[in-house]
C-alpha atoms as a PDB file:
ATOM      1  CA  MET A   1      40.178   6.901 -17.366  1.00  0.00           C
ATOM      2  CA  THR A   2      37.101   5.117 -16.390  1.00  0.00           C
ATOM      3  CA  GLU A   3      34.290   5.275 -18.791  1.00  0.00           C
ATOM      4  CA  VAL A   4      30.882   6.205 -16.801  1.00  0.00           C
ATOM      5  CA  LEU A   5      27.226   5.635 -17.562  1.00  0.00           C
ATOM      6  CA  LEU A   6      25.217   8.380 -15.999  1.00  0.00           C
ATOM      7  CA  TYR A   7      21.938   8.869 -15.619  1.00  0.00           C
ATOM      8  CA  HIS A   8      19.765  11.680 -14.973  1.00  0.00           C
ATOM      9  CA  HIS A   9      17.317  12.438 -12.089  1.00  0.00           C
ATOM     10  CA  ALA A  10      13.090  12.770 -12.311  1.00  0.00           C
ATOM     11  CA  GLN A  11      13.026  16.174 -13.313  1.00  0.00           C
ATOM     12  CA  GLY A  12      15.326  15.166 -16.731  1.00  0.00           C
ATOM     13  CA  LEU A  13      18.287  15.280 -17.999  1.00  0.00           C
ATOM     14  CA  THR A  14      18.983  19.256 -16.795  1.00  0.00           C
ATOM     15  CA  PRO A  15      21.849  21.550 -17.464  1.00  0.00           C
ATOM     16  CA  GLY A  16      22.952  20.634 -14.052  1.00  0.00           C
ATOM     17  CA  VAL A  17      23.479  16.846 -14.910  1.00  0.00           C
ATOM     18  CA  CYS A  18      25.378  17.581 -17.920  1.00  0.00           C
ATOM     19  CA  ALA A  19      27.827  19.998 -16.210  1.00  0.00           C
ATOM     20  CA  PHE A  20      28.355  17.101 -13.760  1.00  0.00           C
ATOM     21  CA  ALA A  21      29.072  15.001 -16.609  1.00  0.00           C
ATOM     22  CA  ASP A  22      31.482  17.359 -17.918  1.00  0.00           C
ATOM     23  CA  ASP A  23      33.560  17.755 -14.467  1.00  0.00           C
ATOM     24  CA  LEU A  24      34.104  14.438 -14.844  1.00  0.00           C
ATOM     25  CA  ARG A  25      35.097  14.598 -18.372  1.00  0.00           C
ATOM     26  CA  ALA A  26      37.780  17.360 -17.752  1.00  0.00           C
ATOM     27  CA  SER A  27      39.126  14.848 -15.668  1.00  0.00           C
ATOM     28  CA  GLY A  28      40.022  12.465 -18.574  1.00  0.00           C
ATOM     29  CA  HIS A  29      36.856  10.208 -18.039  1.00  0.00           C
ATOM     30  CA  ILE A  30      34.037   9.108 -20.748  1.00  0.00           C
ATOM     31  CA  VAL A  31      31.029   9.732 -19.443  1.00  0.00           C
ATOM     32  CA  HIS A  32      27.579   8.881 -21.194  1.00  0.00           C
ATOM     33  CA  THR A  33      24.649  10.858 -19.957  1.00  0.00           C
ATOM     34  CA  PRO A  34      21.338   9.437 -21.824  1.00  0.00           C
ATOM     35  CA  ASP A  35      17.691  11.465 -21.954  1.00  0.00           C
ATOM     36  CA  LEU A  36      15.448   8.549 -20.767  1.00  0.00           C
ATOM     37  CA  PHE A  37      12.970  11.286 -21.109  1.00  0.00           C
ATOM     38  CA  ASP A  38      13.102  12.222 -24.711  1.00  0.00           C
ATOM     39  CA  GLY A  39      14.118  15.809 -24.370  1.00  0.00           C
ATOM     40  CA  ARG A  40      11.855  16.533 -21.578  1.00  0.00           C
ATOM     41  CA  THR A  41      12.506  18.454 -18.249  1.00  0.00           C
ATOM     42  CA  PHE A  42      10.565  19.031 -15.341  1.00  0.00           C
ATOM     43  CA  GLN A  43      10.347  22.005 -12.857  1.00  0.00           C
ATOM     44  CA  SER A  44       9.417  20.051  -9.759  1.00  0.00           C
ATOM     45  CA  ILE A  45      10.373  16.091  -8.889  1.00  0.00           C
ATOM     46  CA  ASP A  46       6.575  15.970  -8.427  1.00  0.00           C
ATOM     47  CA  GLU A  47       6.034  16.621 -12.171  1.00  0.00           C
ATOM     48  CA  GLY A  48       8.910  14.215 -13.063  1.00  0.00           C
ATOM     49  CA  LEU A  49       7.695  11.380 -11.343  1.00  0.00           C
ATOM     50  CA  ALA A  50       4.165  11.872 -12.461  1.00  0.00           C
ATOM     51  CA  TYR A  51       5.639  11.609 -15.957  1.00  0.00           C
ATOM     52  CA  ILE A  52       7.169   8.580 -14.888  1.00  0.00           C
ATOM     53  CA  GLY A  53       4.430   7.413 -13.576  1.00  0.00           C
ATOM     54  CA  GLU A  54       2.272   7.783 -16.614  1.00  0.00           C
ATOM     55  CA  ILE A  55       5.261   5.742 -18.744  1.00  0.00           C
ATOM     56  CA  GLY A  56       5.732   3.034 -15.520  1.00  0.00           C
ATOM     57  CA  PHE A  57       8.899   2.855 -13.096  1.00  0.00           C
ATOM     58  CA  ASP A  58       9.425  -0.387 -14.583  1.00  0.00           C
ATOM     59  CA  GLU A  59       9.594   0.659 -18.097  1.00  0.00           C
ATOM     60  CA  MET A  60      11.515   3.847 -17.092  1.00  0.00           C
ATOM     61  CA  ARG A  61      14.380   1.979 -15.094  1.00  0.00           C
ATOM     62  CA  GLU A  62      14.567  -0.820 -18.263  1.00  0.00           C
ATOM     63  CA  ARG A  63      14.820   2.000 -20.763  1.00  0.00           C
ATOM     64  CA  GLY A  64      17.821   3.025 -18.785  1.00  0.00           C
ATOM     65  CA  VAL A  65      19.040  -0.779 -18.662  1.00  0.00           C
ATOM     66  CA  ARG A  66      18.645  -1.038 -22.768  1.00  0.00           C
ATOM     67  CA  VAL A  67      20.657   1.953 -22.950  1.00  0.00           C
ATOM     68  CA  ALA A  68      23.822   0.022 -21.679  1.00  0.00           C
ATOM     69  CA  HIS A  69      23.261  -2.826 -24.261  1.00  0.00           C
ATOM     70  CA  ASP A  70      25.454  -0.809 -26.672  1.00  0.00           C
ATOM     71  CA  LEU A  71      28.178   0.415 -24.703  1.00  0.00           C
ATOM     72  CA  PRO A  72      31.144  -2.184 -23.475  1.00  0.00           C
ATOM     73  CA  PRO A  73      30.601  -3.956 -19.853  1.00  0.00           C
ATOM     74  CA  GLU A  74      33.311  -2.818 -17.838  1.00  0.00           C
ATOM     75  CA  LEU A  75      31.677   0.302 -17.195  1.00  0.00           C
ATOM     76  CA  VAL A  76      30.763   2.184 -13.553  1.00  0.00           C
ATOM     77  CA  TYR A  77      27.101   2.946 -13.339  1.00  0.00           C
ATOM     78  CA  ALA A  78      25.944   5.993 -11.599  1.00  0.00           C
ATOM     79  CA  GLY A  79      22.621   7.467 -11.055  1.00  0.00           C
ATOM     80  CA  PHE A  80      20.882  11.200  -9.261  1.00  0.00           C
ATOM     81  CA  SER A  81      18.261   9.810  -7.504  1.00  0.00           C
ATOM     82  CA  PHE A  82      15.466   8.012  -9.875  1.00  0.00           C
ATOM     83  CA  GLY A  83      18.313   7.526 -12.404  1.00  0.00           C
ATOM     84  CA  VAL A  84      19.726   4.563  -9.478  1.00  0.00           C
ATOM     85  CA  LEU A  85      17.316   2.511 -10.332  1.00  0.00           C
ATOM     86  CA  PRO A  86      18.757   1.600 -13.539  1.00  0.00           C
ATOM     87  CA  ALA A  87      22.386   2.152 -12.041  1.00  0.00           C
ATOM     88  CA  GLN A  88      22.073   0.130  -9.484  1.00  0.00           C
ATOM     89  CA  LYS A  89      20.385  -2.664 -11.345  1.00  0.00           C
ATOM     90  CA  LEU A  90      23.021  -2.974 -14.109  1.00  0.00           C
ATOM     91  CA  ALA A  91      26.048  -2.729 -11.413  1.00  0.00           C
ATOM     92  CA  GLN A  92      24.264  -5.894  -9.620  1.00  0.00           C
ATOM     93  CA  THR A  93      22.962  -7.661 -12.391  1.00  0.00           C
ATOM     94  CA  ARG A  94      25.468  -6.569 -15.635  1.00  0.00           C
ATOM     95  CA  PRO A  95      28.540  -8.537 -15.581  1.00  0.00           C
ATOM     96  CA  GLY A  96      31.659  -6.981 -16.387  1.00  0.00           C
ATOM     97  CA  ALA A  97      30.593  -3.524 -14.033  1.00  0.00           C
ATOM     98  CA  ARG A  98      33.575  -1.920 -12.590  1.00  0.00           C
ATOM     99  CA  GLY A  99      31.447   0.287  -9.754  1.00  0.00           C
ATOM    100  CA  ALA A 100      28.741   2.265  -9.231  1.00  0.00           C
ATOM    101  CA  LEU A 101      27.957   5.765  -7.662  1.00  0.00           C
ATOM    102  CA  LEU A 102      24.726   6.002  -6.359  1.00  0.00           C
ATOM    103  CA  PHE A 103      23.844   9.643  -5.908  1.00  0.00           C
ATOM    104  CA  HIS A 104      20.579  10.737  -3.458  1.00  0.00           C
ATOM    105  CA  SER A 105      19.190   7.813  -3.760  1.00  0.00           C
ATOM    106  CA  CYS A 106      19.547   3.900  -2.593  1.00  0.00           C
ATOM    107  CA  LEU A 107      18.316   0.547  -3.174  1.00  0.00           C
ATOM    108  CA  PRO A 108      17.999  -2.330  -0.903  1.00  0.00           C
ATOM    109  CA  ILE A 109      20.279  -5.329  -1.538  1.00  0.00           C
ATOM    110  CA  SER A 110      18.219  -7.398   0.534  1.00  0.00           C
ATOM    111  CA  GLY A 111      14.168  -8.051   0.593  1.00  0.00           C
ATOM    112  CA  GLU A 112      11.545  -8.168  -2.090  1.00  0.00           C
ATOM    113  CA  TRP A 113      12.615  -4.818  -3.995  1.00  0.00           C
ATOM    114  CA  ALA A 114      16.291  -6.095  -4.664  1.00  0.00           C
ATOM    115  CA  PHE A 115      18.070  -6.872  -7.395  1.00  0.00           C
ATOM    116  CA  GLY A 116      20.108  -9.567  -5.470  1.00  0.00           C
ATOM    117  CA  PRO A 117      23.353  -9.678  -3.062  1.00  0.00           C
ATOM    118  CA  TRP A 118      26.163  -6.961  -4.203  1.00  0.00           C
ATOM    119  CA  PRO A 119      28.147  -8.627  -6.660  1.00  0.00           C
ATOM    120  CA  ASP A 120      32.062  -9.387  -5.260  1.00  0.00           C
ATOM    121  CA  GLY A 121      34.380  -7.043  -7.011  1.00  0.00           C
ATOM    122  CA  VAL A 122      32.160  -4.215  -7.821  1.00  0.00           C
ATOM    123  CA  ALA A 123      33.035  -1.097  -5.791  1.00  0.00           C
ATOM    124  CA  VAL A 124      30.137   1.118  -4.769  1.00  0.00           C
ATOM    125  CA  GLN A 125      29.966   5.093  -3.731  1.00  0.00           C
ATOM    126  CA  ILE A 126      27.120   6.667  -2.219  1.00  0.00           C
ATOM    127  CA  HIS A 127      25.939  10.045  -1.158  1.00  0.00           C
ATOM    128  CA  GLY A 128      23.058  11.699   0.507  1.00  0.00           C
ATOM    129  CA  MET A 129      22.132  14.867   2.930  1.00  0.00           C
ATOM    130  CA  ASP A 130      21.794  13.888   6.310  1.00  0.00           C
ATOM    131  CA  ASN A 131      18.208  15.389   6.526  1.00  0.00           C
ATOM    132  CA  ASP A 132      16.564  14.836   2.811  1.00  0.00           C
ATOM    133  CA  ARG A 133      13.461  14.157   3.777  1.00  0.00           C
ATOM    134  CA  ILE A 134      13.350  11.884   0.738  1.00  0.00           C
ATOM    135  CA  PHE A 135      16.840   9.786   1.076  1.00  0.00           C
ATOM    136  CA  VAL A 136      16.106   9.531   5.154  1.00  0.00           C
ATOM    137  CA  GLY A 137      12.512   9.414   4.912  1.00  0.00           C
ATOM    138  CA  GLU A 138      11.932   6.630   2.201  1.00  0.00           C
ATOM    139  CA  GLY A 139      14.438   4.420   3.735  1.00  0.00           C
ATOM    140  CA  ASP A 140      17.677   4.872   1.670  1.00  0.00           C
ATOM    141  CA  ILE A 141      19.826   5.467   4.303  1.00  0.00           C
ATOM    142  CA  ASP A 142      19.005   2.781   5.559  1.00  0.00           C
ATOM    143  CA  ALA A 143      19.593   0.602   2.598  1.00  0.00           C
ATOM    144  CA  ALA A 144      23.223   2.935   2.449  1.00  0.00           C
ATOM    145  CA  ARG A 145      24.035   1.904   5.799  1.00  0.00           C
ATOM    146  CA  GLU A 146      23.100  -1.823   4.695  1.00  0.00           C
ATOM    147  CA  ILE A 147      25.907  -2.069   1.485  1.00  0.00           C
ATOM    148  CA  VAL A 148      28.420  -0.378   3.777  1.00  0.00           C
ATOM    149  CA  GLU A 149      27.572  -3.170   5.985  1.00  0.00           C
ATOM    150  CA  ARG A 150      27.485  -6.438   3.525  1.00  0.00           C
ATOM    151  CA  VAL A 151      30.059  -4.935   0.634  1.00  0.00           C
ATOM    152  CA  GLU A 152      33.675  -4.971   1.259  1.00  0.00           C
ATOM    153  CA  ASP A 153      34.409  -1.633  -1.331  1.00  0.00           C
ATOM    154  CA  ALA A 154      31.895   0.566  -0.116  1.00  0.00           C
ATOM    155  CA  GLU A 155      31.776   3.876   0.840  1.00  0.00           C
ATOM    156  CA  PHE A 156      28.912   5.879   2.008  1.00  0.00           C
ATOM    157  CA  PHE A 157      29.059   9.895   2.515  1.00  0.00           C
ATOM    158  CA  LEU A 158      26.097  11.901   4.103  1.00  0.00           C
ATOM    159  CA  TYR A 159      26.131  15.948   3.703  1.00  0.00           C
ATOM    160  CA  PRO A 160      24.532  18.413   6.301  1.00  0.00           C
ATOM    161  CA  GLY A 161      21.521  19.596   4.494  1.00  0.00           C
ATOM    162  CA  ASP A 162      18.131  18.996   3.373  1.00  0.00           C
ATOM    163  CA  GLN A 163      18.280  19.124  -0.273  1.00  0.00           C
ATOM    164  CA  HIS A 164      17.806  16.429  -2.239  1.00  0.00           C
ATOM    165  CA  TYR A 165      19.306  17.621  -5.943  1.00  0.00           C
ATOM    166  CA  PHE A 166      22.108  19.083  -4.173  1.00  0.00           C
ATOM    167  CA  ALA A 167      24.416  18.076  -6.684  1.00  0.00           C
ATOM    168  CA  ASP A 168      22.594  19.855  -9.660  1.00  0.00           C
ATOM    169  CA  SER A 169      24.100  23.238 -10.193  1.00  0.00           C
ATOM    170  CA  SER A 170      20.775  23.787 -12.576  1.00  0.00           C
ATOM    171  CA  LEU A 171      18.134  23.560  -9.181  1.00  0.00           C
ATOM    172  CA  PRO A 172      17.482  25.789  -6.488  1.00  0.00           C
ATOM    173  CA  SER A 173      18.677  22.787  -4.183  1.00  0.00           C
ATOM    174  CA  TYR A 174      22.333  23.254  -5.847  1.00  0.00           C
ATOM    175  CA  ASP A 175      24.997  23.043  -2.600  1.00  0.00           C
ATOM    176  CA  ALA A 176      28.020  24.131  -3.845  1.00  0.00           C
ATOM    177  CA  ASP A 177      30.344  23.146  -1.124  1.00  0.00           C
ATOM    178  CA  ALA A 178      28.661  19.711  -1.301  1.00  0.00           C
ATOM    179  CA  THR A 179      29.089  18.820  -4.523  1.00  0.00           C
ATOM    180  CA  ALA A 180      32.661  20.348  -4.542  1.00  0.00           C
ATOM    181  CA  LEU A 181      33.527  17.503  -2.223  1.00  0.00           C
ATOM    182  CA  LEU A 182      31.103  14.995  -3.441  1.00  0.00           C
ATOM    183  CA  THR A 183      32.885  15.489  -7.024  1.00  0.00           C
ATOM    184  CA  THR A 184      36.198  15.240  -5.385  1.00  0.00           C
ATOM    185  CA  ARG A 185      35.350  11.758  -3.409  1.00  0.00           C
ATOM    186  CA  VAL A 186      34.045  10.628  -6.915  1.00  0.00           C
ATOM    187  CA  LEU A 187      36.979  11.208  -8.887  1.00  0.00           C
ATOM    188  CA  GLU A 188      39.014  10.033  -5.954  1.00  0.00           C
ATOM    189  CA  PHE A 189      36.739   6.727  -6.724  1.00  0.00           C
ATOM    190  CA  LEU A 190      37.005   6.762 -10.222  1.00  0.00           C
ATOM    191  CA  ASP A 191      40.517   7.037 -10.589  1.00  0.00           C
ATOM    192  CA  ARG A 192      41.172   3.868  -8.403  1.00  0.00           C
ATOM    193  CA  VAL A 193      38.472   1.296 -10.003  1.00  0.00           C
END
């Protein structure tokens, strides 16, 4: 059994994010799903990003970081797209992290936007689609490749397709086949960390 802190994407804590968490719970894992938007969900990524922009990206990320203070340090931090911001920060900076699951997004571990080098002993798994205009077009794919090159226990999986939130079953972007494979890989990861 592994304890996971799973952060939602820019459209909020959707039924699809909750369903994904429930799939992990059904395999015996403890999964926390904080709602950083206080119950709000959005019909599009752009609407969600506009809301995040009103609050401030740094403040939203720090909301996610503060959630972890009430939980034990031995967590796997997971995030869907926007949720990667607090998940990756915690995995890289909070002592005791067991791992990170980064879905649809990835931040560099070097350069001005980095949280610093990846810590020794913290496993990471990254998932994205090979033609996702956000994942590929905004450089997340390059950050993922950098992590795989530099981190001992790092896996990076690319799925065929162009959807960003392909693992959220409540959205039109959902890809059942890719999500089934992603879920299998995630459960294997959680069983070994």
